[in-house]
Amino acid sequence: MASPQSALRSPAELIVVTHGTDTALTPSVLSDSRSTEERLAALLPAAGRLVRIFGPANRLYTRVAGTPHEPVAAEYLKYFSVRGLTEGLDEIAARLREDDAVDGAYVKPPAEPPIAPGSTVYIEAADAPPVTPNFEGRQGYLDPAPQGVDARWAWTVPGGRGQGVRVIDIEGAWRFTHEDLLVNQGGVIGGDPSPDLGWRDHGTAVAGEISGDVNRFGITGIAPDALLRAVSIFGPGSAAAIRTAADALGAGDVILLELHRPGPRFNYEARPDQTGYIAIEWWPDDLAAVRYAVGRGVIVVEAGGNGAEDLDAALYDTRPANFPASWRNPFRGGTADSGAIIVGAGAPPTGFHGSNHGPGRSRLDFSNFGSRIDTQAWGREVTTTGYGDLQGGPDEDLWYTDVFSGTSSASPIVTGTVASYQGISTAAGQRRTPAEVRARLRATGSPQTSAPGRPASQRIGNLPDLKAMAAPH
């Protein structure tokens, strides 16, 4: 059967941002915020609920104490989502914007998994063999630079399998009963996983790249000793999922954002492919949530998206009328920089798996690009758990794929690399900060190459090289 990816979408989300203040939390600030919350809740239809994205107001201080957020913690009182409603969201947002306390109210388009446009995996009907073969030799992204990230070298170094590092994947669903995901996976700790097979295959494939078990069959993750858990965006929405993950992690741990959204250039009717999809941090609440996580010392790896977009385009500087007036384009970096590591999709080596997607490490045609993209990894021909084209049968726990793709496949390669590097650094007595890890990814690695019509000036960055990252500097 076919597993189409382009139809996978989360529900749209109605977000409200109040004016508030960017100051420390005080009794008067909390009181004002609660009054505003009560007034706005009264404007909703009976079935609607106004929910604070950053959790109960009286618990916010304990989350930000001792972090760079503490002096401006009141900022996080400004963000709300509206739940319980699915119809008339644009009209409700317009009504909320009429209130003087509201700085912005907008409907976020559905998030989707950033798998390559047009990807459809055909699952074999035949039974899996009695014993799963060892597919590790097909995981070329594990190999030494410049082909891969040199995970095999990292496994010989203390901490190089990701020991002591926790990772949380944020997307739709997973199959944590898979035969190759049984050792260092902690399951779903937030949200309501989608029942859709496509979301479940996607999450399973991501998990395998990062955390596939060490054994004699199937695949092996880049950082198999890291603890991998998951938070679903179904139920809380993406920003609240990021906040939940950040609260469950410590400084130096890792969040992976396996999502992209239709941006301002996208047109559902005129553009049935993924042209116009962008990284989710462009939306104010997601940006605030990423900055919240990074401020707590958590490393955030974010799919750059598959929209074939130049994220340096002036279009992205234009603030939508329903966004808060304080919003600034995060793709410009500077004071609006989220602090996340944004990942583009590059070609695997020419001829790998018998395919040719252009020169190795050249930008794949669907990948977004721009100065804000930090690093790249394979966006085609990724062997991992899930889907069933490499090994299928009726039991999902035995499925493997040879063709995972998009910034979907690139981002977990980077995430596994970051977890491995952090494990090495921790074993050496120095836990790395988000800024240090991002700078190291930009300063090292195998350089991007050019392809016809896709010059290296369309930046997706270097392919990580763990040996170079871990070298003394």
Protein backbone atom coordinates (compact mmCIF):
# COMPACT_ATOMS: atom_id res chain seq x y z
CA MET A 1 0.00 0.00 0.00
CA ALA A 2 1.04 3.61 -0.48
CA SER A 3 2.01 5.96 2.33
CA PRO A 4 1.62 9.53 0.92
CA GLN A 5 3.23 12.27 2.94
CA SER A 6 1.84 15.43 1.38
CA ALA A 7 -1.61 14.92 2.92
CA LEU A 8 -0.34 14.73 6.51
CA ARG A 9 -1.32 17.83 8.45
CA SER A 10 -1.88 18.83 12.03
CA PRO A 11 -4.90 20.97 12.95
CA ALA A 12 -4.67 24.72 12.35
CA GLU A 13 -3.98 26.67 15.54
CA LEU A 14 -5.48 29.97 16.73
CA ILE A 15 -2.88 31.94 18.70
CA VAL A 16 -3.42 35.10 20.74
CA VAL A 17 -0.60 37.42 21.84
CA THR A 18 -1.40 40.17 24.33
CA HIS A 19 0.54 43.40 24.80
CA GLY A 20 1.83 42.64 28.29
CA THR A 21 5.35 43.59 29.35
CA ASP A 22 8.87 42.18 29.00
CA THR A 23 9.76 42.61 32.66
CA ALA A 24 10.28 40.45 35.72
CA LEU A 25 7.27 38.67 37.18
CA THR A 26 5.64 40.74 39.92
CA PRO A 27 2.30 40.36 41.71
CA SER A 28 0.85 43.27 39.75
CA VAL A 29 2.01 41.84 36.41
CA LEU A 30 0.46 38.48 37.25
CA SER A 31 -2.78 40.13 38.34
CA ASP A 32 -3.04 42.15 35.13
CA SER A 33 -2.37 39.08 33.01
CA ARG A 34 -5.07 37.08 34.77
CA SER A 35 -7.59 39.88 34.27
CA THR A 36 -6.76 39.99 30.57
CA GLU A 37 -7.11 36.22 30.35
CA GLU A 38 -10.58 36.31 31.89
CA ARG A 39 -11.75 39.07 29.56
CA LEU A 40 -10.49 37.34 26.41
CA ALA A 41 -11.89 33.97 27.45
CA ALA A 42 -15.32 35.60 27.65
CA LEU A 43 -15.07 36.55 23.96
CA LEU A 44 -14.83 32.92 22.84
CA PRO A 45 -17.72 30.66 21.81
CA ALA A 46 -18.92 28.34 24.55
CA ALA A 47 -16.81 25.40 23.38
CA GLY A 48 -13.58 27.43 23.25
CA ARG A 49 -10.87 27.49 25.89
CA LEU A 50 -8.04 29.98 26.28
CA VAL A 51 -4.86 28.12 27.30
CA ARG A 52 -1.51 29.60 28.30
CA ILE A 53 1.20 28.24 26.00
CA PHE A 54 3.88 28.56 28.70
CA GLY A 55 1.79 26.90 31.39
CA PRO A 56 0.02 28.24 34.48
CA ALA A 57 1.00 31.80 35.34
CA ASN A 58 1.82 30.96 38.94
CA ARG A 59 4.35 28.30 37.86
CA LEU A 60 6.23 30.32 35.29
CA TYR A 61 8.75 31.77 37.73
CA THR A 62 10.07 28.36 38.79
CA ARG A 63 10.71 27.54 35.13
CA VAL A 64 12.72 30.65 34.37
CA ALA A 65 14.53 31.23 37.67
CA GLY A 66 18.28 31.25 37.14
CA THR A 67 18.01 31.50 33.34
CA PRO A 68 18.48 34.52 31.07
CA HIS A 69 14.67 34.70 30.91
CA GLU A 70 14.24 35.66 34.57
CA PRO A 71 14.50 39.47 34.12
CA VAL A 72 11.97 39.42 31.25
CA ALA A 73 9.84 36.44 32.26
CA ALA A 74 6.58 38.37 31.89
CA GLU A 75 7.04 38.04 28.13
CA TYR A 76 5.80 34.45 28.38
CA LEU A 77 2.52 35.52 29.95
CA LYS A 78 1.52 37.03 26.60
CA TYR A 79 1.03 33.82 24.62
CA PHE A 80 -2.26 31.90 24.49
CA SER A 81 -3.79 29.26 22.24
CA VAL A 82 -7.49 28.73 21.69
CA ARG A 83 -8.55 25.10 21.97
CA GLY A 84 -11.79 23.26 21.50
CA LEU A 85 -12.73 25.09 18.28
CA THR A 86 -12.21 24.01 14.68
CA GLU A 87 -14.57 26.27 12.71
CA GLY A 88 -14.56 30.02 12.13
CA LEU A 89 -11.05 30.52 13.51
CA ASP A 90 -10.28 33.54 11.31
CA GLU A 91 -13.46 35.28 12.44
CA ILE A 92 -12.71 34.56 16.09
CA ALA A 93 -9.17 35.90 15.64
CA ALA A 94 -10.55 39.11 14.12
CA ARG A 95 -12.90 39.53 17.10
CA LEU A 96 -10.06 39.04 19.56
CA ARG A 97 -7.89 41.60 17.77
CA GLU A 98 -10.52 44.25 18.49
CA ASP A 99 -9.69 44.03 22.21
CA ASP A 100 -7.18 46.68 23.32
CA ALA A 101 -5.16 44.09 25.25
CA VAL A 102 -4.46 42.03 22.12
CA ASP A 103 -1.27 42.71 20.17
CA GLY A 104 -1.89 39.93 17.63
CA ALA A 105 -4.23 37.03 16.92
CA TYR A 106 -3.55 34.71 14.01
CA VAL A 107 -4.34 31.26 12.68
CA LYS A 108 -1.26 29.15 12.05
CA PRO A 109 -1.60 26.87 9.01
CA PRO A 110 -1.30 23.15 9.68
CA ALA A 111 2.17 21.80 10.35
CA GLU A 112 3.40 18.90 8.24
CA PRO A 113 6.37 16.50 8.31
CA PRO A 114 9.13 17.95 6.09
CA ILE A 115 9.60 14.92 3.86
CA ALA A 116 10.63 15.55 0.24
CA PRO A 117 7.80 16.63 -2.10
CA GLY A 118 6.05 13.81 -3.90
CA SER A 119 7.53 11.10 -1.70
CA THR A 120 5.35 8.03 -1.63
CA VAL A 121 6.71 4.87 -0.07
CA TYR A 122 5.30 1.57 -1.24
CA ILE A 123 5.17 -1.02 1.50
CA GLU A 124 6.00 -4.57 0.47
CA ALA A 125 3.23 -7.10 1.09
CA ALA A 126 5.61 -10.03 1.50
CA ASP A 127 6.46 -11.25 4.97
CA ALA A 128 9.72 -10.13 6.55
CA PRO A 129 12.40 -12.86 6.73
CA PRO A 130 12.77 -14.89 9.94
CA VAL A 131 15.75 -12.73 10.95
CA THR A 132 16.21 -9.10 9.90
CA PRO A 133 19.45 -8.60 7.96
CA ASN A 134 22.04 -6.07 9.06
CA PHE A 135 21.39 -2.91 7.03
CA GLU A 136 24.09 -0.76 8.65
CA GLY A 137 26.24 -0.92 5.53
CA ARG A 138 23.49 0.95 3.69
CA GLN A 139 23.69 3.85 6.18
CA GLY A 140 26.31 5.83 4.31
CA TYR A 141 25.65 8.88 6.45
CA LEU A 142 27.50 7.07 9.28
CA ASP A 143 30.70 6.93 7.21
CA PRO A 144 33.78 9.18 7.41
CA ALA A 145 33.76 12.65 5.89
CA PRO A 146 33.18 13.86 3.28
CA GLN A 147 30.53 11.20 2.60
CA GLY A 148 29.06 11.05 6.10
CA VAL A 149 29.33 12.52 9.60
CA ASP A 150 31.91 9.95 10.81
CA ALA A 151 29.69 8.45 13.48
CA ARG A 152 31.68 5.22 13.29
CA TRP A 153 34.75 7.12 14.50
CA ALA A 154 32.76 8.80 17.27
CA TRP A 155 31.66 5.40 18.58
CA THR A 156 35.31 4.66 19.44
CA VAL A 157 35.62 7.78 21.61
CA PRO A 158 34.30 8.08 25.20
CA GLY A 159 30.79 9.53 25.09
CA GLY A 160 30.60 9.29 21.31
CA ARG A 161 27.42 7.22 21.31
CA GLY A 162 25.62 10.06 23.07
CA GLN A 163 25.94 8.88 26.67
CA GLY A 164 24.40 11.29 29.17
CA VAL A 165 22.45 13.23 26.53
CA ARG A 166 18.65 13.39 26.34
CA VAL A 167 16.80 14.08 23.09
CA ILE A 168 13.12 14.87 22.50
CA ASP A 169 11.60 14.65 19.02
CA ILE A 170 8.59 16.92 18.33
CA GLU A 171 6.20 15.89 15.55
CA GLY A 172 3.12 13.63 15.19
CA ALA A 173 3.57 9.94 16.07
CA TRP A 174 6.06 7.07 16.50
CA ARG A 175 6.32 3.28 16.75
CA PHE A 176 8.38 2.72 19.90
CA THR A 177 7.64 -1.02 19.82
CA HIS A 178 9.80 -1.37 16.70
CA GLU A 179 12.38 -4.17 17.04
CA ASP A 180 15.23 -1.66 16.62
CA LEU A 181 13.88 0.95 19.07
CA LEU A 182 13.73 -0.90 22.38
CA VAL A 183 16.80 0.08 24.43
CA ASN A 184 17.26 3.83 24.98
CA GLN A 185 13.85 5.15 23.97
CA GLY A 186 11.53 6.56 26.62
CA GLY A 187 8.33 6.81 24.57
CA VAL A 188 5.85 9.66 24.27
CA ILE A 189 5.82 12.10 27.21
CA GLY A 190 3.37 14.70 25.90
CA GLY A 191 0.59 15.31 23.40
CA ASP A 192 -1.69 12.78 21.72
CA PRO A 193 0.05 10.84 18.93
CA SER A 194 -1.78 10.85 15.63
CA PRO A 195 -3.26 7.48 14.59
CA ASP A 196 -2.19 8.16 10.99
CA LEU A 197 0.26 5.64 9.54
CA GLY A 198 2.19 8.35 7.69
CA TRP A 199 2.94 10.34 10.84
CA ARG A 200 3.85 7.12 12.68
CA ASP A 201 6.22 5.97 9.93
CA HIS A 202 7.80 9.41 9.84
CA GLY A 203 8.50 9.52 13.59
CA THR A 204 9.78 5.95 13.53
CA ALA A 205 12.21 6.80 10.72
CA VAL A 206 13.46 9.86 12.61
CA ALA A 207 13.95 7.84 15.80
CA GLY A 208 15.96 5.19 13.97
CA GLU A 209 18.45 7.70 12.58
CA ILE A 210 19.16 9.10 16.04
CA SER A 211 18.65 6.19 18.38
CA GLY A 212 18.48 2.86 16.53
CA ASP A 213 19.66 0.10 18.86
CA VAL A 214 23.14 -1.43 18.80
CA ASN A 215 22.67 -5.06 17.74
CA ARG A 216 23.44 -7.41 14.86
CA PHE A 217 20.42 -6.61 12.71
CA GLY A 218 18.63 -3.67 11.13
CA ILE A 219 20.15 -0.22 11.50
CA THR A 220 22.17 1.64 14.13
CA GLY A 221 21.47 5.20 15.28
CA ILE A 222 24.13 7.88 15.27
CA ALA A 223 23.80 8.33 19.04
CA PRO A 224 22.30 5.05 20.28
CA ASP A 225 23.18 5.65 23.93
CA ALA A 226 21.30 8.96 24.09
CA LEU A 227 17.85 8.74 25.67
CA LEU A 228 15.23 9.53 23.02
CA ARG A 229 11.67 10.57 23.93
CA ALA A 230 8.88 12.31 22.05
CA VAL A 231 6.19 14.98 22.35
CA SER A 232 3.30 15.09 19.87
CA ILE A 233 1.96 18.38 18.54
CA PHE A 234 -1.53 16.88 18.41
CA GLY A 235 -3.42 18.28 21.38
CA PRO A 236 -1.14 21.03 22.70
CA GLY A 237 0.06 22.53 19.40
CA SER A 238 3.67 23.07 18.36
CA ALA A 239 4.71 25.92 20.68
CA ALA A 240 3.32 24.25 23.79
CA ALA A 241 4.98 21.00 22.71
CA ILE A 242 8.33 22.81 22.52
CA ARG A 243 7.77 24.27 25.99
CA THR A 244 6.87 20.83 27.38
CA ALA A 245 10.02 19.33 25.91
CA ALA A 246 12.21 22.17 27.19
CA ASP A 247 10.84 21.74 30.71
CA ALA A 248 11.63 18.02 30.59
CA LEU A 249 15.27 18.56 29.59
CA GLY A 250 18.36 20.13 31.09
CA ALA A 251 21.09 22.37 29.75
CA GLY A 252 22.96 20.69 26.92
CA ASP A 253 20.15 18.30 26.00
CA VAL A 254 18.52 18.42 22.55
CA ILE A 255 15.11 19.13 21.00
CA LEU A 256 14.41 18.19 17.37
CA LEU A 257 11.61 20.03 15.49
CA GLU A 258 10.47 17.74 12.67
CA LEU A 259 7.91 20.12 11.13
CA HIS A 260 7.44 22.79 8.50
CA ARG A 261 4.51 25.03 7.57
CA PRO A 262 3.11 26.80 4.50
CA GLY A 263 4.59 30.31 4.54
CA PRO A 264 3.30 33.58 3.05
CA ARG A 265 4.20 32.54 -0.53
CA PHE A 266 2.33 29.23 -0.36
CA ASN A 267 -0.96 28.67 -2.20
CA TYR A 268 -2.78 25.39 -1.58
CA GLU A 269 -4.61 25.46 -4.90
CA ALA A 270 -1.95 26.90 -7.18
CA ARG A 271 0.99 25.04 -5.61
CA PRO A 272 0.11 21.43 -4.84
CA ASP A 273 3.77 20.66 -4.17
CA GLN A 274 5.62 21.98 -1.12
CA THR A 275 6.95 25.20 -2.67
CA GLY A 276 6.58 27.93 -0.07
CA TYR A 277 6.99 25.82 3.07
CA ILE A 278 9.27 27.35 5.69
CA ALA A 279 10.76 26.66 9.12
CA ILE A 280 8.19 26.97 11.90
CA GLU A 281 10.08 29.60 13.92
CA TRP A 282 8.71 32.31 11.59
CA TRP A 283 5.45 32.23 13.63
CA PRO A 284 5.65 34.33 16.82
CA ASP A 285 4.59 31.70 19.36
CA ASP A 286 6.91 29.06 17.94
CA LEU A 287 9.75 31.59 17.91
CA ALA A 288 9.07 32.46 21.55
CA ALA A 289 9.02 28.76 22.48
CA VAL A 290 12.31 28.06 20.71
CA ARG A 291 13.94 31.02 22.42
CA TYR A 292 12.54 29.80 25.75
CA ALA A 293 14.17 26.39 25.19
CA VAL A 294 17.50 27.85 24.10
CA GLY A 295 17.45 30.22 27.06
CA ARG A 296 17.24 27.20 29.32
CA GLY A 297 20.40 25.87 27.66
CA VAL A 298 18.60 23.31 25.49
CA ILE A 299 19.99 22.83 21.96
CA VAL A 300 17.19 23.08 19.37
CA VAL A 301 17.64 21.47 15.94
CA GLU A 302 15.01 22.67 13.47
CA ALA A 303 14.12 21.42 10.00
CA GLY A 304 14.68 24.25 7.53
CA GLY A 305 11.72 23.14 5.42
CA ASN A 306 11.22 21.89 1.89
CA GLY A 307 9.79 24.97 0.18
CA ALA A 308 12.68 25.70 -2.22
CA GLU A 309 12.61 29.14 -0.59
CA ASP A 310 15.33 31.74 -0.20
CA LEU A 311 14.88 32.59 3.46
CA ASP A 312 16.85 35.79 2.88
CA ALA A 313 14.07 37.10 0.62
CA ALA A 314 12.58 40.47 1.59
CA LEU A 315 9.14 38.84 1.66
CA TYR A 316 9.92 37.38 5.07
CA ASP A 317 10.59 40.81 6.55
CA THR A 318 6.96 41.81 6.00
CA ARG A 319 4.97 41.44 9.20
CA PRO A 320 1.52 39.94 8.60
CA ALA A 321 -1.16 42.34 9.83
CA ASN A 322 -2.43 39.83 12.39
CA PHE A 323 1.02 39.23 13.95
CA PRO A 324 2.03 41.22 17.06
CA ALA A 325 3.71 44.56 16.36
CA SER A 326 6.80 43.40 18.26
CA TRP A 327 7.50 40.59 15.76
CA ARG A 328 10.71 40.66 13.75
CA ASN A 329 11.79 38.23 11.03
CA PRO A 330 13.90 35.55 12.76
CA PHE A 331 15.48 34.50 9.45
CA ARG A 332 17.49 37.74 9.62
CA GLY A 333 19.18 36.65 12.83
CA GLY A 334 20.43 39.43 15.05
CA THR A 335 18.16 40.36 17.95
CA ALA A 336 15.37 38.19 16.50
CA ASP A 337 17.60 35.11 16.24
CA SER A 338 15.94 32.08 17.81
CA GLY A 339 19.24 30.40 18.69
CA ALA A 340 18.16 27.17 16.95
CA ILE A 341 20.31 25.14 14.57
CA ILE A 342 18.47 25.21 11.22
CA VAL A 343 19.08 22.33 8.81
CA GLY A 344 18.99 22.16 5.02
CA ALA A 345 18.87 19.07 2.79
CA GLY A 346 21.90 18.10 0.73
CA ALA A 347 22.48 15.38 -1.83
CA PRO A 348 24.05 12.05 -0.83
CA PRO A 349 27.13 10.94 -2.75
CA THR A 350 26.47 10.42 -6.44
CA GLY A 351 25.47 6.82 -7.15
CA PHE A 352 24.62 5.93 -3.56
CA HIS A 353 21.95 3.19 -3.61
CA GLY A 354 22.32 3.45 -7.39
CA SER A 355 20.72 6.90 -7.53
CA ASN A 356 21.94 10.29 -8.67
CA HIS A 357 20.58 13.41 -6.97
CA GLY A 358 23.41 15.69 -8.05
CA PRO A 359 26.87 16.22 -6.59
CA GLY A 360 27.23 15.10 -3.00
CA ARG A 361 26.48 17.91 -0.49
CA SER A 362 24.83 20.11 -3.13
CA ARG A 363 21.49 21.66 -2.26
CA LEU A 364 18.58 19.43 -3.21
CA ASP A 365 16.08 21.36 -5.29
CA PHE A 366 13.34 21.33 -2.64
CA SER A 367 15.51 22.49 0.27
CA ASN A 368 15.14 25.99 1.65
CA PHE A 369 18.37 27.99 1.75
CA GLY A 370 19.80 31.24 3.05
CA SER A 371 22.24 32.79 5.47
CA ARG A 372 20.25 31.54 8.46
CA ILE A 373 20.66 27.86 7.49
CA ASP A 374 23.42 26.53 9.72
CA THR A 375 24.20 23.06 8.40
CA GLN A 376 23.03 20.31 6.06
CA ALA A 377 22.69 16.54 5.94
CA TRP A 378 21.42 13.89 3.56
CA GLY A 379 17.97 14.66 2.16
CA ARG A 380 17.70 11.49 0.07
CA GLU A 381 18.58 7.78 0.29
CA VAL A 382 18.50 7.59 4.09
CA THR A 383 18.22 4.05 5.46
CA THR A 384 16.37 3.80 8.77
CA THR A 385 13.40 2.26 10.57
CA GLY A 386 9.81 2.52 9.29
CA TYR A 387 7.84 2.59 6.03
CA GLY A 388 8.67 -0.94 4.82
CA ASP A 389 10.15 -0.49 1.33
CA LEU A 390 13.45 -2.12 2.39
CA GLN A 391 11.80 -4.72 4.61
CA GLY A 392 8.02 -4.89 4.88
CA GLY A 393 5.38 -7.46 5.76
CA PRO A 394 2.29 -7.11 7.97
CA ASP A 395 4.16 -6.25 11.20
CA GLU A 396 5.17 -2.57 11.46
CA ASP A 397 7.73 -3.46 14.12
CA LEU A 398 9.86 -5.08 11.39
CA TRP A 399 9.68 -2.29 8.78
CA TYR A 400 12.74 -0.52 7.36
CA THR A 401 13.22 2.02 4.58
CA ASP A 402 15.97 2.91 2.13
CA VAL A 403 14.49 6.20 0.92
CA PHE A 404 13.66 8.48 3.84
CA SER A 405 14.04 12.04 2.57
CA GLY A 406 13.66 15.80 2.92
CA THR A 407 14.79 18.06 5.69
CA SER A 408 12.93 15.29 7.54
CA SER A 409 15.87 12.93 7.05
CA ALA A 410 18.56 15.63 7.24
CA SER A 411 17.54 17.03 10.64
CA PRO A 412 17.83 13.79 12.65
CA ILE A 413 21.28 13.18 11.16
CA VAL A 414 22.29 16.56 12.57
CA THR A 415 20.49 15.81 15.85
CA GLY A 416 22.32 12.51 16.25
CA THR A 417 25.59 14.28 15.43
CA VAL A 418 24.90 16.96 18.06
CA ALA A 419 24.06 14.29 20.67
CA SER A 420 27.28 12.43 19.85
CA TYR A 421 29.35 15.62 20.03
CA GLN A 422 27.72 16.58 23.31
CA GLY A 423 28.41 13.10 24.68
CA ILE A 424 32.08 13.43 23.74
CA SER A 425 32.24 16.91 25.26
CA THR A 426 30.51 15.78 28.45
CA ALA A 427 32.88 12.83 28.83
CA ALA A 428 35.76 15.31 28.49
CA GLY A 429 34.27 17.47 31.25
CA GLN A 430 32.80 20.31 29.18
CA ARG A 431 29.08 20.43 28.44
CA ARG A 432 28.52 22.59 25.34
CA THR A 433 25.99 25.43 25.06
CA PRO A 434 23.57 25.90 22.14
CA ALA A 435 25.67 28.78 20.79
CA GLU A 436 28.88 26.75 21.00
CA VAL A 437 27.38 23.79 19.17
CA ARG A 438 25.94 25.96 16.41
CA ALA A 439 29.24 27.79 15.98
CA ARG A 440 31.11 24.49 15.78
CA LEU A 441 28.78 23.17 13.07
CA ARG A 442 29.37 26.32 11.03
CA ALA A 443 33.14 26.30 11.53
CA THR A 444 33.76 22.64 10.63
CA GLY A 445 32.42 19.99 8.29
CA SER A 446 32.56 19.02 4.63
CA PRO A 447 31.80 22.05 2.44
CA GLN A 448 28.64 22.48 0.42
CA THR A 449 29.09 21.92 -3.32
CA SER A 450 27.32 23.37 -6.36
CA ALA A 451 24.88 21.68 -8.72
CA PRO A 452 23.50 23.01 -12.02
CA GLY A 453 21.10 25.80 -11.10
CA ARG A 454 21.85 25.35 -7.40
CA PRO A 455 25.15 27.10 -6.62
CA ALA A 456 26.81 26.79 -3.24
CA SER A 457 25.97 30.47 -2.72
CA GLN A 458 22.43 29.20 -2.02
CA ARG A 459 23.57 28.34 1.46
CA ILE A 460 22.65 25.14 3.27
CA GLY A 461 26.00 24.95 5.07
CA ASN A 462 28.48 22.16 5.60
CA LEU A 463 27.80 18.48 6.25
CA PRO A 464 28.88 17.84 9.89
CA ASP A 465 32.10 15.95 10.56
CA LEU A 466 32.25 14.60 14.11
CA LYS A 467 36.01 14.09 14.07
CA ALA A 468 36.56 17.74 13.10
CA MET A 469 33.93 18.99 15.56
CA ALA A 470 35.55 17.14 18.44
CA ALA A 471 39.12 18.19 17.58
CA PRO A 472 40.78 20.51 20.14
CA HIS A 473 40.02 24.16 19.44
